[in-house]
C-alpha atoms as a PDB file:
ATOM      1  CA  MET A   1      43.784 -30.519  42.041  1.00  0.00           C
ATOM      2  CA  LYS A   2      41.569 -30.642  45.119  1.00  0.00           C
ATOM      3  CA  ILE A   3      44.188 -32.676  47.004  1.00  0.00           C
ATOM      4  CA  VAL A   4      46.772 -29.876  46.648  1.00  0.00           C
ATOM      5  CA  GLU A   5      44.273 -27.287  47.891  1.00  0.00           C
ATOM      6  CA  ILE A   6      43.300 -29.491  50.846  1.00  0.00           C
ATOM      7  CA  LEU A   7      46.978 -30.026  51.719  1.00  0.00           C
ATOM      8  CA  LYS A   8      47.524 -26.249  51.750  1.00  0.00           C
ATOM      9  CA  LYS A   9      44.570 -25.874  54.150  1.00  0.00           C
ATOM     10  CA  TRP A  10      45.950 -28.648  56.393  1.00  0.00           C
ATOM     11  CA  ILE A  11      49.386 -27.026  56.510  1.00  0.00           C
ATOM     12  CA  LYS A  12      47.829 -23.674  57.423  1.00  0.00           C
ATOM     13  CA  ALA A  13      45.745 -25.349  60.148  1.00  0.00           C
ATOM     14  CA  ILE A  14      48.756 -27.190  61.571  1.00  0.00           C
ATOM     15  CA  PHE A  15      50.472 -23.869  62.226  1.00  0.00           C
ATOM     16  CA  SER A  16      47.392 -21.909  63.327  1.00  0.00           C
ATOM     17  CA  LYS A  17      45.701 -24.407  65.670  1.00  0.00           C
ATOM     18  CA  PRO A  18      47.925 -27.418  66.417  1.00  0.00           C
ATOM     19  CA  LEU A  19      46.437 -28.198  69.858  1.00  0.00           C
ATOM     20  CA  THR A  20      42.896 -28.271  68.482  1.00  0.00           C
ATOM     21  CA  ILE A  21      43.957 -30.678  65.750  1.00  0.00           C
ATOM     22  CA  LEU A  22      45.776 -32.916  68.218  1.00  0.00           C
ATOM     23  CA  LYS A  23      42.799 -32.911  70.595  1.00  0.00           C
ATOM     24  CA  SER A  24      40.390 -33.772  67.779  1.00  0.00           C
ATOM     25  CA  ILE A  25      42.535 -36.718  66.675  1.00  0.00           C
ATOM     26  CA  ILE A  26      42.793 -38.020  70.241  1.00  0.00           C
ATOM     27  CA  PHE A  27      39.020 -37.660  70.764  1.00  0.00           C
ATOM     28  CA  ASN A  28      38.454 -39.561  67.531  1.00  0.00           C
ATOM     29  CA  ILE A  29      40.813 -42.397  68.534  1.00  0.00           C
ATOM     30  CA  LEU A  30      39.209 -42.639  71.988  1.00  0.00           C
ATOM     31  CA  ASN A  31      35.717 -42.189  70.483  1.00  0.00           C
ATOM     32  CA  LYS A  32      34.988 -39.243  72.798  1.00  0.00           C
ATOM     33  CA  ASN A  33      32.706 -36.230  72.295  1.00  0.00           C
ATOM     34  CA  LYS A  34      31.080 -37.595  69.154  1.00  0.00           C
ATOM     35  CA  ASN A  35      28.609 -34.909  68.131  1.00  0.00           C
ATOM     36  CA  LEU A  36      26.187 -36.682  65.821  1.00  0.00           C
ATOM     37  CA  LYS A  37      24.134 -33.538  65.129  1.00  0.00           C
ATOM     38  CA  ARG A  38      27.143 -31.595  63.830  1.00  0.00           C
ATOM     39  CA  LEU A  39      28.372 -34.590  61.861  1.00  0.00           C
ATOM     40  CA  GLU A  40      24.936 -35.107  60.316  1.00  0.00           C
ATOM     41  CA  ILE A  41      24.867 -31.466  59.198  1.00  0.00           C
ATOM     42  CA  CYS A  42      28.293 -31.910  57.598  1.00  0.00           C
ATOM     43  CA  ASN A  43      27.304 -35.199  55.977  1.00  0.00           C
ATOM     44  CA  ASN A  44      24.389 -33.445  54.255  1.00  0.00           C
ATOM     45  CA  CYS A  45      26.494 -30.479  53.103  1.00  0.00           C
ATOM     46  CA  ASP A  46      27.426 -30.059  49.454  1.00  0.00           C
ATOM     47  CA  LYS A  47      30.945 -28.969  50.513  1.00  0.00           C
ATOM     48  CA  LYS A  48      31.758 -32.420  51.939  1.00  0.00           C
ATOM     49  CA  ILE A  49      34.252 -34.379  49.871  1.00  0.00           C
ATOM     50  CA  ASN A  50      35.703 -37.820  50.425  1.00  0.00           C
ATOM     51  CA  ILE A  51      39.429 -38.366  50.168  1.00  0.00           C
ATOM     52  CA  LYS A  52      40.652 -41.926  49.920  1.00  0.00           C
ATOM     53  CA  PHE A  53      42.479 -43.098  53.076  1.00  0.00           C
ATOM     54  CA  VAL A  54      41.493 -39.882  54.911  1.00  0.00           C
ATOM     55  CA  GLY A  55      37.703 -39.855  54.951  1.00  0.00           C
ATOM     56  CA  ASP A  56      35.183 -37.049  54.695  1.00  0.00           C
ATOM     57  CA  VAL A  57      36.733 -33.591  54.530  1.00  0.00           C
ATOM     58  CA  CYS A  58      35.269 -30.098  54.353  1.00  0.00           C
ATOM     59  CA  ASP A  59      36.119 -28.460  51.034  1.00  0.00           C
ATOM     60  CA  VAL A  60      35.922 -25.021  52.679  1.00  0.00           C
ATOM     61  CA  CYS A  61      38.261 -25.405  55.663  1.00  0.00           C
ATOM     62  CA  GLY A  62      40.021 -28.694  54.853  1.00  0.00           C
ATOM     63  CA  CYS A  63      39.200 -30.296  58.206  1.00  0.00           C
ATOM     64  CA  ILE A  64      38.476 -33.985  58.645  1.00  0.00           C
ATOM     65  CA  LEU A  65      34.810 -33.862  59.601  1.00  0.00           C
ATOM     66  CA  ASP A  66      34.755 -36.730  62.085  1.00  0.00           C
ATOM     67  CA  ASN A  67      37.510 -34.950  64.009  1.00  0.00           C
ATOM     68  CA  LYS A  68      36.373 -31.321  63.757  1.00  0.00           C
ATOM     69  CA  THR A  69      32.787 -32.000  64.832  1.00  0.00           C
ATOM     70  CA  ARG A  70      34.022 -33.403  68.178  1.00  0.00           C
ATOM     71  CA  ILE A  71      35.595 -30.147  69.413  1.00  0.00           C
ATOM     72  CA  LYS A  72      33.245 -27.853  71.335  1.00  0.00           C
ATOM     73  CA  ASP A  73      35.207 -24.687  70.472  1.00  0.00           C
ATOM     74  CA  GLU A  74      35.168 -25.375  66.736  1.00  0.00           C
ATOM     75  CA  HIS A  75      32.551 -23.999  64.354  1.00  0.00           C
ATOM     76  CA  CYS A  76      31.429 -24.496  60.792  1.00  0.00           C
ATOM     77  CA  ASP A  77      33.069 -21.931  58.500  1.00  0.00           C
ATOM     78  CA  LEU A  78      29.754 -21.724  56.635  1.00  0.00           C
ATOM     79  CA  GLY A  79      27.843 -20.973  59.871  1.00  0.00           C
ATOM     80  CA  LYS A  80      25.810 -24.183  59.776  1.00  0.00           C
ATOM     81  CA  TRP A  81      26.650 -25.065  63.415  1.00  0.00           C
END
């Protein structure tokens, strides 16, 4: 039931940091602030999972990795970046 757990994390994030989520989606659409180093670290992490139609997601925080790694104020919940 990973999908249910991820959905719970997304719902929590929507209420706790909506502007960060919106900014990350906009940066992704406009292809801005792509941080390849952060994304590479996430791509090599054993906590990365792939969800069909969504993409690569962190199993710890539930964030979409291509979005989260673009935001300067964000951090890895595992302390990897």
